[in-house]
């Protein structure tokens, strides 16, 4: 907001030296915060499959497992604090439908690999927790293969 005001003023009548410095500082801070959010998102994206593999709470939503059940494991694996995860969630970074689809696909491939490894089924539940919802294991759902 401060950046917009100063930019508008600079195009209208110009800025004095102090205002120019203030604009530069505000732009630098904005870029820094944006880069921080991007880094946190990359860290989350690359490490969340490891977290999902390590947790045994497949019948709970991933969001609940992260924020309520295994927050310490989440921090160890991803390096992110729960407040970082909640920040990313609150600013609308995660599309729930896409996250649910991604978690479903991960669970499906994980199950297939466990069966291939000798029928190891340590998850004997009728429910599958997705990102922010839970479905019955035998629920037919459309999953895009893209």
N, C-alpha and C. Protein backbone atom coordinates (compact mmCIF):
# COMPACT_ATOMS: atom_id res chain seq x y z
N UNK A 1 0.84 -1.20 0.00
CA UNK A 1 0.00 0.00 0.00
C UNK A 1 0.88 1.26 0.00
N UNK A 2 1.90 1.23 0.82
CA UNK A 2 2.84 2.36 0.88
C UNK A 2 3.56 2.51 -0.46
N UNK A 3 3.90 1.39 -1.07
CA UNK A 3 4.57 1.41 -2.37
C UNK A 3 3.67 2.06 -3.41
N UNK A 4 2.40 1.70 -3.41
CA UNK A 4 1.46 2.27 -4.38
C UNK A 4 1.35 3.79 -4.22
N UNK A 5 1.23 4.23 -2.97
CA UNK A 5 1.10 5.68 -2.72
C UNK A 5 2.32 6.44 -3.22
N UNK A 6 3.50 5.93 -2.88
CA UNK A 6 4.74 6.62 -3.29
C UNK A 6 4.93 6.56 -4.81
N UNK A 7 4.59 5.44 -5.42
CA UNK A 7 4.71 5.32 -6.87
C UNK A 7 3.78 6.29 -7.57
N UNK A 8 2.55 6.40 -7.06
CA UNK A 8 1.58 7.33 -7.65
C UNK A 8 2.08 8.77 -7.50
N UNK A 9 2.60 9.08 -6.32
CA UNK A 9 3.11 10.42 -6.09
C UNK A 9 4.29 10.73 -7.01
N UNK A 10 5.14 9.72 -7.22
CA UNK A 10 6.31 9.95 -8.08
C UNK A 10 5.90 10.21 -9.52
N UNK A 11 4.83 9.57 -9.97
CA UNK A 11 4.38 9.81 -11.34
C UNK A 11 3.60 11.12 -11.46
N UNK A 12 2.97 11.55 -10.37
CA UNK A 12 2.20 12.80 -10.39
C UNK A 12 3.11 14.02 -10.34
N UNK A 13 3.92 14.12 -9.28
CA UNK A 13 4.72 15.33 -9.11
C UNK A 13 6.16 15.09 -8.69
N UNK A 14 6.55 13.85 -8.64
CA UNK A 14 7.94 13.57 -8.29
C UNK A 14 8.14 13.43 -6.79
N UNK A 15 9.20 12.76 -6.43
CA UNK A 15 9.52 12.51 -5.03
C UNK A 15 10.80 13.24 -4.65
N UNK A 16 10.85 13.67 -3.39
CA UNK A 16 12.11 14.21 -2.90
C UNK A 16 13.04 13.04 -2.54
N UNK A 17 14.26 13.33 -2.17
CA UNK A 17 15.26 12.29 -1.91
C UNK A 17 14.82 11.35 -0.79
N UNK A 18 14.23 11.88 0.27
CA UNK A 18 13.79 11.06 1.40
C UNK A 18 12.68 10.10 0.97
N UNK A 19 11.75 10.60 0.17
CA UNK A 19 10.64 9.76 -0.30
C UNK A 19 11.14 8.69 -1.28
N UNK A 20 12.13 9.03 -2.12
CA UNK A 20 12.71 8.04 -3.02
C UNK A 20 13.34 6.90 -2.24
N UNK A 21 14.05 7.26 -1.17
CA UNK A 21 14.70 6.24 -0.34
C UNK A 21 13.64 5.38 0.34
N UNK A 22 12.56 5.99 0.80
CA UNK A 22 11.48 5.27 1.44
C UNK A 22 10.84 4.28 0.47
N UNK A 23 10.64 4.71 -0.79
CA UNK A 23 10.09 3.85 -1.82
C UNK A 23 11.03 2.67 -2.10
N UNK A 24 12.30 2.94 -2.23
CA UNK A 24 13.29 1.89 -2.48
C UNK A 24 13.31 0.89 -1.33
N UNK A 25 13.29 1.38 -0.11
CA UNK A 25 13.28 0.49 1.07
C UNK A 25 12.02 -0.38 1.09
N UNK A 26 10.88 0.22 0.80
CA UNK A 26 9.62 -0.52 0.80
C UNK A 26 9.62 -1.59 -0.29
N UNK A 27 10.13 -1.26 -1.47
CA UNK A 27 10.20 -2.23 -2.56
C UNK A 27 11.16 -3.37 -2.21
N UNK A 28 12.27 -3.06 -1.58
CA UNK A 28 13.24 -4.07 -1.18
C UNK A 28 12.63 -5.01 -0.14
N UNK A 29 11.92 -4.45 0.82
CA UNK A 29 11.28 -5.27 1.85
C UNK A 29 10.22 -6.18 1.23
N UNK A 30 9.43 -5.64 0.31
CA UNK A 30 8.39 -6.43 -0.37
C UNK A 30 9.03 -7.59 -1.13
N UNK A 31 10.09 -7.33 -1.87
CA UNK A 31 10.77 -8.38 -2.63
C UNK A 31 11.36 -9.43 -1.71
N UNK A 32 11.87 -9.00 -0.58
CA UNK A 32 12.45 -9.93 0.38
C UNK A 32 11.38 -10.85 0.96
N UNK A 33 10.25 -10.28 1.32
CA UNK A 33 9.15 -11.10 1.87
C UNK A 33 8.62 -12.06 0.81
N UNK A 34 8.51 -11.58 -0.42
CA UNK A 34 8.04 -12.44 -1.50
C UNK A 34 8.99 -13.62 -1.71
N UNK A 35 10.28 -13.34 -1.70
CA UNK A 35 11.28 -14.39 -1.88
C UNK A 35 11.21 -15.39 -0.73
N UNK A 36 11.00 -14.90 0.49
CA UNK A 36 10.88 -15.77 1.67
C UNK A 36 9.70 -16.72 1.51
N UNK A 37 8.56 -16.21 1.06
CA UNK A 37 7.38 -17.05 0.86
C UNK A 37 7.66 -18.08 -0.23
N UNK A 38 8.30 -17.67 -1.31
CA UNK A 38 8.63 -18.61 -2.39
C UNK A 38 9.54 -19.73 -1.89
N UNK A 39 10.54 -19.38 -1.09
CA UNK A 39 11.45 -20.39 -0.55
C UNK A 39 10.72 -21.37 0.36
N UNK A 40 9.81 -20.86 1.18
CA UNK A 40 9.04 -21.73 2.07
C UNK A 40 8.14 -22.66 1.27
N UNK A 41 7.56 -22.16 0.20
CA UNK A 41 6.70 -22.98 -0.64
C UNK A 41 7.52 -24.07 -1.34
N UNK A 42 8.68 -23.73 -1.84
CA UNK A 42 9.54 -24.73 -2.48
C UNK A 42 9.95 -25.80 -1.48
N UNK A 43 10.32 -25.37 -0.29
CA UNK A 43 10.71 -26.30 0.76
C UNK A 43 9.56 -27.26 1.08
N UNK A 44 8.36 -26.72 1.20
CA UNK A 44 7.18 -27.53 1.48
C UNK A 44 6.94 -28.53 0.35
N UNK A 45 6.96 -28.03 -0.87
CA UNK A 45 6.65 -28.88 -2.04
C UNK A 45 7.62 -30.03 -2.21
N UNK A 46 8.87 -29.79 -1.95
CA UNK A 46 9.86 -30.84 -2.16
C UNK A 46 9.94 -31.84 -1.02
N UNK A 47 9.50 -31.46 0.15
CA UNK A 47 9.67 -32.35 1.31
C UNK A 47 8.37 -32.97 1.82
N UNK A 48 7.23 -32.51 1.33
CA UNK A 48 5.97 -33.04 1.83
C UNK A 48 5.79 -34.53 1.50
N UNK A 49 6.24 -35.03 0.34
CA UNK A 49 6.11 -36.47 0.11
C UNK A 49 6.86 -37.31 1.16
N UNK A 50 8.01 -36.85 1.58
CA UNK A 50 8.77 -37.56 2.62
C UNK A 50 7.95 -37.59 3.91
N UNK A 51 7.37 -36.45 4.27
CA UNK A 51 6.55 -36.38 5.47
C UNK A 51 5.37 -37.35 5.36
N UNK A 52 4.70 -37.35 4.21
CA UNK A 52 3.54 -38.23 4.03
C UNK A 52 3.95 -39.69 4.14
N UNK A 53 5.11 -40.02 3.64
CA UNK A 53 5.58 -41.40 3.71
C UNK A 53 5.89 -41.81 5.15
N UNK A 54 6.42 -40.88 5.93
CA UNK A 54 6.83 -41.19 7.31
C UNK A 54 5.68 -41.26 8.30
N UNK A 55 4.60 -40.55 8.03
CA UNK A 55 3.49 -40.55 8.99
C UNK A 55 2.59 -41.76 8.79
N UNK A 56 2.06 -42.25 9.89
CA UNK A 56 1.14 -43.39 9.83
C UNK A 56 -0.32 -42.97 9.86
N UNK A 57 -0.59 -41.70 9.89
CA UNK A 57 -1.96 -41.21 10.04
C UNK A 57 -2.59 -40.97 8.67
N UNK A 58 -2.83 -42.05 7.94
CA UNK A 58 -3.38 -41.96 6.59
C UNK A 58 -4.88 -41.70 6.57
N UNK A 59 -5.55 -41.99 7.66
CA UNK A 59 -7.01 -41.82 7.68
C UNK A 59 -7.42 -40.40 8.12
N UNK A 60 -6.46 -39.59 8.49
CA UNK A 60 -6.70 -38.19 8.87
C UNK A 60 -6.35 -37.28 7.70
N UNK A 61 -6.92 -36.09 7.68
CA UNK A 61 -6.53 -35.16 6.63
C UNK A 61 -5.07 -34.77 6.83
N UNK A 62 -4.38 -34.56 5.73
CA UNK A 62 -2.97 -34.17 5.81
C UNK A 62 -2.81 -32.86 6.57
N UNK A 63 -3.75 -31.96 6.34
CA UNK A 63 -3.69 -30.68 7.04
C UNK A 63 -3.75 -30.86 8.56
N UNK A 64 -4.62 -31.76 9.04
CA UNK A 64 -4.71 -32.02 10.48
C UNK A 64 -3.45 -32.73 10.99
N UNK A 65 -2.92 -33.65 10.19
CA UNK A 65 -1.70 -34.34 10.61
C UNK A 65 -0.57 -33.34 10.77
N UNK A 66 -0.49 -32.39 9.84
CA UNK A 66 0.56 -31.37 9.90
C UNK A 66 0.38 -30.46 11.11
N UNK A 67 -0.82 -29.94 11.30
CA UNK A 67 -1.03 -28.90 12.30
C UNK A 67 -1.35 -29.41 13.70
N UNK A 68 -1.89 -30.63 13.82
CA UNK A 68 -2.36 -31.08 15.13
C UNK A 68 -1.71 -32.36 15.64
N UNK A 69 -1.40 -33.29 14.74
CA UNK A 69 -0.99 -34.61 15.20
C UNK A 69 0.52 -34.79 15.20
N UNK A 70 1.18 -34.45 14.09
CA UNK A 70 2.62 -34.67 14.01
C UNK A 70 3.36 -33.41 13.56
N UNK A 71 3.08 -32.34 14.27
CA UNK A 71 3.70 -31.06 13.90
C UNK A 71 5.22 -31.08 14.12
N UNK A 72 5.69 -31.82 15.11
CA UNK A 72 7.14 -31.92 15.33
C UNK A 72 7.82 -32.65 14.18
N UNK A 73 7.22 -33.75 13.72
CA UNK A 73 7.76 -34.48 12.58
C UNK A 73 7.74 -33.60 11.33
N UNK A 74 6.67 -32.85 11.15
CA UNK A 74 6.57 -31.95 10.00
C UNK A 74 7.72 -30.94 10.01
N UNK A 75 7.98 -30.37 11.17
CA UNK A 75 9.07 -29.39 11.27
C UNK A 75 10.42 -30.03 10.99
N UNK A 76 10.64 -31.24 11.51
CA UNK A 76 11.91 -31.93 11.28
C UNK A 76 12.12 -32.24 9.79
N UNK A 77 11.08 -32.70 9.14
CA UNK A 77 11.20 -33.12 7.74
C UNK A 77 11.27 -31.94 6.78
N UNK A 78 10.42 -30.95 6.99
CA UNK A 78 10.33 -29.84 6.03
C UNK A 78 11.15 -28.62 6.43
N UNK A 79 11.45 -28.50 7.72
CA UNK A 79 12.15 -27.31 8.19
C UNK A 79 11.22 -26.13 8.39
N UNK A 80 9.92 -26.34 8.17
CA UNK A 80 8.94 -25.25 8.31
C UNK A 80 8.22 -25.34 9.64
N UNK A 81 7.98 -24.19 10.22
CA UNK A 81 7.17 -24.12 11.43
C UNK A 81 5.69 -24.20 11.01
N UNK A 82 4.86 -24.59 11.94
CA UNK A 82 3.43 -24.64 11.66
C UNK A 82 2.92 -23.26 11.27
N UNK A 83 3.48 -22.22 11.87
CA UNK A 83 3.06 -20.85 11.52
C UNK A 83 3.39 -20.55 10.05
N UNK A 84 4.51 -21.09 9.53
CA UNK A 84 4.85 -20.92 8.11
C UNK A 84 3.82 -21.62 7.23
N UNK A 85 3.47 -22.85 7.62
CA UNK A 85 2.47 -23.61 6.87
C UNK A 85 1.13 -22.88 6.88
N UNK A 86 0.74 -22.38 8.04
CA UNK A 86 -0.54 -21.67 8.15
C UNK A 86 -0.51 -20.36 7.35
N UNK A 87 0.63 -19.70 7.31
CA UNK A 87 0.76 -18.49 6.49
C UNK A 87 0.51 -18.82 5.03
N UNK A 88 1.17 -19.87 4.53
CA UNK A 88 0.98 -20.28 3.15
C UNK A 88 -0.48 -20.65 2.88
N UNK A 89 -1.10 -21.33 3.83
CA UNK A 89 -2.50 -21.70 3.69
C UNK A 89 -3.40 -20.47 3.69
N UNK A 90 -3.17 -19.55 4.61
CA UNK A 90 -4.02 -18.37 4.75
C UNK A 90 -3.93 -17.40 3.58
N UNK A 91 -2.78 -17.34 2.92
CA UNK A 91 -2.68 -16.43 1.78
C UNK A 91 -3.16 -17.08 0.49
N UNK A 92 -3.70 -18.29 0.61
CA UNK A 92 -4.35 -18.94 -0.53
C UNK A 92 -3.41 -19.62 -1.50
N UNK A 93 -2.26 -20.05 -1.02
CA UNK A 93 -1.28 -20.70 -1.89
C UNK A 93 -1.77 -22.09 -2.33
N UNK A 94 -2.49 -22.77 -1.46
CA UNK A 94 -2.88 -24.14 -1.75
C UNK A 94 -4.30 -24.21 -2.31
N UNK A 95 -4.43 -24.79 -3.48
CA UNK A 95 -5.73 -25.07 -4.07
C UNK A 95 -6.16 -26.43 -3.52
N UNK A 96 -7.24 -26.44 -2.74
CA UNK A 96 -7.65 -27.67 -2.06
C UNK A 96 -7.92 -28.82 -3.02
N UNK A 97 -8.58 -28.55 -4.14
CA UNK A 97 -8.89 -29.63 -5.09
C UNK A 97 -7.61 -30.24 -5.65
N UNK A 98 -6.64 -29.41 -6.00
CA UNK A 98 -5.38 -29.93 -6.52
C UNK A 98 -4.59 -30.66 -5.44
N UNK A 99 -4.59 -30.13 -4.22
CA UNK A 99 -3.88 -30.80 -3.12
C UNK A 99 -4.53 -32.14 -2.81
N UNK A 100 -5.88 -32.20 -2.78
CA UNK A 100 -6.57 -33.46 -2.53
C UNK A 100 -6.21 -34.49 -3.60
N UNK A 101 -6.18 -34.05 -4.84
CA UNK A 101 -5.83 -34.93 -5.96
C UNK A 101 -4.40 -35.44 -5.81
N UNK A 102 -3.48 -34.56 -5.48
CA UNK A 102 -2.07 -34.95 -5.33
C UNK A 102 -1.89 -35.95 -4.18
N UNK A 103 -2.56 -35.70 -3.07
CA UNK A 103 -2.44 -36.62 -1.92
C UNK A 103 -3.06 -37.97 -2.27
N UNK A 104 -4.20 -37.96 -2.95
CA UNK A 104 -4.84 -39.21 -3.36
C UNK A 104 -3.89 -40.02 -4.25
N UNK A 105 -3.28 -39.37 -5.23
CA UNK A 105 -2.35 -40.06 -6.13
C UNK A 105 -1.15 -40.61 -5.35
N UNK A 106 -0.63 -39.83 -4.42
CA UNK A 106 0.49 -40.31 -3.61
C UNK A 106 0.09 -41.55 -2.84
N UNK A 107 -1.06 -41.52 -2.19
CA UNK A 107 -1.53 -42.68 -1.41
C UNK A 107 -1.71 -43.90 -2.31
N UNK A 108 -2.26 -43.68 -3.49
CA UNK A 108 -2.50 -44.78 -4.42
C UNK A 108 -1.17 -45.42 -4.83
N UNK A 109 -0.17 -44.62 -5.19
CA UNK A 109 1.12 -45.16 -5.58
C UNK A 109 1.86 -45.78 -4.41
N UNK A 110 1.70 -45.20 -3.24
CA UNK A 110 2.33 -45.77 -2.05
C UNK A 110 1.74 -47.15 -1.76
N UNK A 111 0.42 -47.27 -1.85
CA UNK A 111 -0.23 -48.58 -1.63
C UNK A 111 0.27 -49.61 -2.64
N UNK A 112 0.36 -49.19 -3.90
CA UNK A 112 0.82 -50.11 -4.95
C UNK A 112 2.25 -50.57 -4.67
N UNK A 113 3.11 -49.67 -4.23
CA UNK A 113 4.50 -50.06 -3.97
C UNK A 113 4.59 -50.96 -2.75
N UNK A 114 3.74 -50.73 -1.75
CA UNK A 114 3.75 -51.61 -0.58
C UNK A 114 3.25 -53.00 -0.94
N UNK A 115 2.24 -53.09 -1.80
CA UNK A 115 1.74 -54.39 -2.26
C UNK A 115 2.82 -55.11 -3.06
N UNK A 116 3.52 -54.38 -3.91
CA UNK A 116 4.58 -54.95 -4.74
C UNK A 116 5.71 -55.49 -3.87
N UNK A 117 5.95 -54.84 -2.75
CA UNK A 117 7.04 -55.24 -1.86
C UNK A 117 6.66 -56.42 -0.97
N UNK A 118 5.55 -57.07 -1.24
CA UNK A 118 5.21 -58.26 -0.49
C UNK A 118 3.94 -58.15 0.31
N UNK A 119 3.03 -57.32 -0.10
CA UNK A 119 1.74 -57.24 0.56
C UNK A 119 1.78 -56.59 1.92
N UNK A 120 2.74 -55.73 2.14
CA UNK A 120 2.84 -55.05 3.42
C UNK A 120 1.74 -54.00 3.51
N UNK A 121 0.68 -54.29 4.23
CA UNK A 121 -0.41 -53.32 4.36
C UNK A 121 -0.51 -52.91 5.82
N UNK A 122 0.29 -51.93 6.19
CA UNK A 122 0.28 -51.48 7.57
C UNK A 122 -0.86 -50.48 7.83
N UNK A 123 -1.57 -50.09 6.77
CA UNK A 123 -2.66 -49.13 6.88
C UNK A 123 -3.97 -49.84 6.58
N UNK A 124 -4.58 -50.37 7.61
CA UNK A 124 -5.77 -51.19 7.45
C UNK A 124 -7.04 -50.41 7.75
N UNK A 125 -7.20 -49.25 7.18
CA UNK A 125 -8.36 -48.42 7.46
C UNK A 125 -9.26 -48.37 6.24
N UNK A 126 -10.55 -48.12 6.48
CA UNK A 126 -11.51 -47.95 5.39
C UNK A 126 -11.47 -46.53 4.84
N UNK A 127 -10.80 -45.62 5.55
CA UNK A 127 -10.75 -44.22 5.15
C UNK A 127 -9.37 -43.83 4.63
N UNK A 128 -9.39 -42.84 3.74
CA UNK A 128 -8.14 -42.26 3.25
C UNK A 128 -8.22 -40.75 3.48
N UNK A 129 -7.25 -40.23 4.21
CA UNK A 129 -7.20 -38.79 4.43
C UNK A 129 -6.51 -38.12 3.25
N UNK A 130 -7.17 -37.12 2.70
CA UNK A 130 -6.57 -36.35 1.62
C UNK A 130 -6.00 -35.07 2.23
N UNK A 131 -5.88 -34.01 1.47
CA UNK A 131 -5.32 -32.78 2.03
C UNK A 131 -6.22 -32.17 3.09
N UNK A 132 -7.49 -31.96 2.75
CA UNK A 132 -8.39 -31.34 3.73
C UNK A 132 -9.74 -32.05 3.83
N UNK A 133 -9.79 -33.29 3.37
CA UNK A 133 -11.02 -34.08 3.46
C UNK A 133 -10.65 -35.55 3.62
N UNK A 134 -11.63 -36.34 4.03
CA UNK A 134 -11.44 -37.78 4.19
C UNK A 134 -12.48 -38.48 3.32
N UNK A 135 -12.05 -39.53 2.60
CA UNK A 135 -12.97 -40.30 1.78
C UNK A 135 -12.89 -41.77 2.18
N UNK A 136 -13.91 -42.53 1.81
CA UNK A 136 -13.89 -43.98 2.01
C UNK A 136 -12.94 -44.57 0.98
N UNK A 137 -12.21 -45.60 1.38
CA UNK A 137 -11.22 -46.21 0.52
C UNK A 137 -11.81 -46.68 -0.81
N UNK A 138 -13.04 -47.16 -0.78
CA UNK A 138 -13.65 -47.71 -2.00
C UNK A 138 -14.48 -46.66 -2.76
N UNK A 139 -14.36 -45.40 -2.40
CA UNK A 139 -15.09 -44.33 -3.10
C UNK A 139 -14.53 -44.18 -4.50
N UNK A 140 -15.40 -44.32 -5.51
CA UNK A 140 -14.89 -44.08 -6.87
C UNK A 140 -14.79 -42.58 -7.11
N UNK A 141 -13.60 -42.13 -7.43
CA UNK A 141 -13.41 -40.72 -7.72
C UNK A 141 -12.64 -40.58 -9.01
N UNK A 142 -12.87 -39.48 -9.69
CA UNK A 142 -12.15 -39.20 -10.91
C UNK A 142 -10.82 -38.57 -10.54
N UNK A 143 -9.77 -39.12 -11.03
CA UNK A 143 -8.45 -38.57 -10.80
C UNK A 143 -7.80 -38.37 -12.15
N UNK A 144 -7.42 -37.15 -12.46
CA UNK A 144 -6.77 -36.88 -13.74
C UNK A 144 -5.39 -37.50 -13.73
N UNK A 145 -4.94 -37.96 -14.85
CA UNK A 145 -3.63 -38.60 -14.96
C UNK A 145 -2.55 -37.63 -15.41
N UNK A 146 -2.82 -36.34 -15.39
CA UNK A 146 -1.83 -35.34 -15.83
C UNK A 146 -0.81 -35.07 -14.79
